[in-house]
Amino acid sequence: MLVPGNAAIDRTEIEERLRRYYEPYRRGVIEAVRRAIARYGTCLHLSVHSFAPEVGAVERRADIGLLYDPRRDAERTLARHLAARLGRHSLRPRLNYPYRGTSDGFTTHCRRLFSPERYLGLEIETNQRLLTGKKDVRSLALALATSLEGALRAQGAAP
């Protein structure tokens, strides 16, 4: 999908954006994960994104995608608990959709750096059709927060 703000940039601008935004962000998150692991013994890294409701002629029917590594028991269990709770908010969640949780992304990179006992990486993908106004965004944020709290409680990971 072509992003208008990126359509006409040259290699120099790409490298500048990588240096200025991409690389510091990744370094900062990795350091925050290291600090959390050092302090608490484990870290849950949530990476929240949105996805286009349609790609070409294909409609993406899920409201929320939860991406995780199915080989990591804690990630799989958390994703399932979270999906069940999101459904109680009249949302249609799907697991490892619209992408696979093991696709080449930032959480996949972090899984190479940190063991399953120390790091849980979950990507929460929201369908852009749910994000049309402030009220919708607030409602979705509340549903995500309460669902996540319930899912963590179910795993004994929240007070």
Protein backbone atom coordinates (compact mmCIF):
# COMPACT_ATOMS: atom_id res chain seq x y z
CA MET A 1 0.00 0.00 0.00
CA LEU A 2 1.41 3.36 -1.02
CA VAL A 3 1.63 5.93 1.76
CA PRO A 4 1.32 9.43 0.25
CA GLY A 5 3.91 11.00 2.56
CA ASN A 6 6.44 8.36 1.52
CA ALA A 7 5.73 8.23 -2.21
CA ALA A 8 8.31 10.74 -3.42
CA ILE A 9 11.17 10.40 -0.92
CA ASP A 10 14.66 9.46 -2.01
CA ARG A 11 17.22 7.15 -0.40
CA THR A 12 18.75 10.03 1.60
CA GLU A 13 15.37 10.86 3.18
CA ILE A 14 14.73 7.18 3.93
CA GLU A 15 18.08 6.91 5.72
CA GLU A 16 17.41 10.14 7.62
CA ARG A 17 14.04 8.87 8.83
CA LEU A 18 15.58 5.56 9.89
CA ARG A 19 18.31 7.39 11.82
CA ARG A 20 15.99 9.97 13.35
CA TYR A 21 12.91 7.90 14.24
CA TYR A 22 13.12 4.15 13.62
CA GLU A 23 16.45 3.32 15.22
CA PRO A 24 16.04 5.46 18.39
CA TYR A 25 12.55 4.05 18.92
CA ARG A 26 13.76 0.46 18.70
CA ARG A 27 16.76 1.11 20.94
CA GLY A 28 14.56 2.86 23.48
CA VAL A 29 12.01 0.04 23.64
CA ILE A 30 14.72 -2.62 23.95
CA GLU A 31 16.31 -0.69 26.81
CA ALA A 32 12.91 -0.30 28.51
CA VAL A 33 12.35 -4.06 28.19
CA ARG A 34 15.80 -4.72 29.68
CA ARG A 35 15.05 -2.40 32.62
CA ALA A 36 11.67 -4.05 33.23
CA ILE A 37 13.23 -7.51 33.18
CA ALA A 38 15.99 -6.40 35.55
CA ARG A 39 13.45 -4.91 37.95
CA TYR A 40 10.53 -7.35 37.71
CA GLY A 41 12.00 -10.48 36.16
CA THR A 42 9.68 -10.31 33.17
CA CYS A 43 8.18 -7.84 30.71
CA LEU A 44 4.97 -7.69 28.72
CA HIS A 45 5.58 -5.63 25.58
CA LEU A 46 2.41 -4.42 23.86
CA SER A 47 2.83 -3.04 20.38
CA VAL A 48 -0.38 -1.35 19.22
CA HIS A 49 -1.05 -0.61 15.56
CA SER A 50 -3.94 -0.24 13.18
CA PHE A 51 -4.65 -1.98 9.90
CA ALA A 52 -6.55 -1.00 6.77
CA PRO A 53 -10.10 -2.39 6.62
CA GLU A 54 -9.56 -3.41 2.99
CA VAL A 55 -6.54 -4.46 0.99
CA GLY A 56 -7.32 -4.46 -2.68
CA ALA A 57 -10.72 -6.11 -3.01
CA VAL A 58 -10.33 -8.11 0.21
CA GLU A 59 -12.31 -6.91 3.22
CA ARG A 60 -10.69 -7.56 6.58
CA ARG A 61 -13.60 -8.47 8.82
CA ALA A 62 -11.94 -8.61 12.23
CA ASP A 63 -12.07 -5.64 14.59
CA ILE A 64 -8.92 -6.56 16.50
CA GLY A 65 -6.01 -8.79 15.58
CA LEU A 66 -3.86 -10.26 18.34
CA LEU A 67 -0.44 -11.30 17.11
CA TYR A 68 1.72 -13.65 19.18
CA ASP A 69 4.14 -16.54 18.82
CA PRO A 70 2.11 -19.75 19.25
CA ARG A 71 5.24 -21.58 20.42
CA ARG A 72 5.38 -19.33 23.47
CA ASP A 73 2.82 -20.66 25.94
CA ALA A 74 2.38 -17.45 27.94
CA GLU A 75 1.83 -15.35 24.80
CA ARG A 76 -0.66 -17.84 23.38
CA THR A 77 -2.59 -18.04 26.66
CA LEU A 78 -2.67 -14.27 27.11
CA ALA A 79 -3.88 -13.74 23.53
CA ARG A 80 -6.70 -16.26 23.99
CA HIS A 81 -7.82 -14.73 27.29
CA LEU A 82 -7.68 -11.26 25.77
CA ALA A 83 -9.66 -12.34 22.69
CA ALA A 84 -12.41 -13.82 24.88
CA ARG A 85 -12.70 -10.61 26.88
CA LEU A 86 -12.70 -8.38 23.82
CA GLY A 87 -15.62 -10.40 22.49
CA ARG A 88 -17.61 -9.34 25.57
CA HIS A 89 -17.32 -5.75 24.29
CA SER A 90 -19.02 -6.68 21.00
CA LEU A 91 -15.66 -6.68 19.23
CA ARG A 92 -14.60 -9.35 16.75
CA PRO A 93 -11.06 -10.37 17.67
CA ARG A 94 -8.96 -12.82 15.67
CA LEU A 95 -5.75 -14.51 16.65
CA ASN A 96 -2.68 -13.96 14.47
CA TYR A 97 -4.65 -11.82 12.04
CA PRO A 98 -4.29 -9.88 9.77
CA TYR A 99 -0.67 -11.01 10.01
CA ARG A 100 1.10 -13.91 11.65
CA GLY A 101 2.57 -13.17 15.06
CA THR A 102 5.85 -14.67 13.92
CA SER A 103 6.18 -12.45 10.84
CA ASP A 104 9.24 -10.25 10.71
CA GLY A 105 8.32 -7.43 13.07
CA PHE A 106 9.61 -5.73 16.17
CA THR A 107 8.19 -8.21 18.69
CA THR A 108 9.70 -11.06 16.65
CA HIS A 109 13.06 -9.28 16.83
CA CYS A 110 12.67 -8.87 20.60
CA ARG A 111 11.89 -12.56 20.99
CA ARG A 112 15.35 -13.29 19.60
CA LEU A 113 16.85 -11.08 22.32
CA PHE A 114 14.83 -12.24 25.34
CA SER A 115 13.77 -15.67 26.57
CA PRO A 116 10.10 -16.76 26.77
CA GLU A 117 10.38 -16.76 30.57
CA ARG A 118 11.35 -13.09 30.55
CA TYR A 119 9.61 -11.54 27.54
CA LEU A 120 6.04 -11.65 26.24
CA GLY A 121 5.43 -9.73 23.04
CA LEU A 122 1.87 -9.13 21.92
CA GLU A 123 0.86 -6.99 18.96
CA ILE A 124 -2.62 -5.53 19.07
CA GLU A 125 -3.85 -4.58 15.60
CA THR A 126 -7.03 -2.50 15.42
CA ASN A 127 -9.14 -2.13 12.31
CA GLN A 128 -9.02 1.51 11.19
CA ARG A 129 -12.78 1.54 10.64
CA LEU A 130 -13.12 1.56 14.47
CA LEU A 131 -11.07 4.75 14.76
CA THR A 132 -13.32 7.32 13.14
CA GLY A 133 -13.70 9.81 16.00
CA LYS A 134 -12.57 10.64 19.53
CA LYS A 135 -15.54 8.86 21.07
CA ASP A 136 -14.77 5.68 19.10
CA VAL A 137 -11.10 5.80 20.06
CA ARG A 138 -11.93 6.30 23.75
CA SER A 139 -14.45 3.48 23.70
CA LEU A 140 -11.96 1.13 22.04
CA ALA A 141 -9.19 2.15 24.45
CA LEU A 142 -11.46 1.41 27.42
CA ALA A 143 -12.44 -1.98 25.97
CA LEU A 144 -8.78 -2.84 25.39
CA ALA A 145 -7.71 -1.71 28.87
CA THR A 146 -10.43 -3.57 30.75
CA SER A 147 -10.02 -6.67 28.60
CA LEU A 148 -6.27 -6.68 29.09
CA GLU A 149 -6.65 -6.26 32.84
CA GLY A 150 -9.05 -9.21 32.94
CA ALA A 151 -6.77 -11.35 30.79
CA LEU A 152 -3.79 -10.59 33.02
CA ARG A 153 -5.83 -11.38 36.14
CA ALA A 154 -6.82 -14.70 34.59
CA GLN A 155 -3.13 -15.52 34.27
CA GLY A 156 -2.39 -14.35 37.81
CA ALA A 157 -0.30 -11.49 36.45
CA ALA A 158 -2.35 -8.53 37.74
CA PRO A 159 -3.27 -7.51 41.28
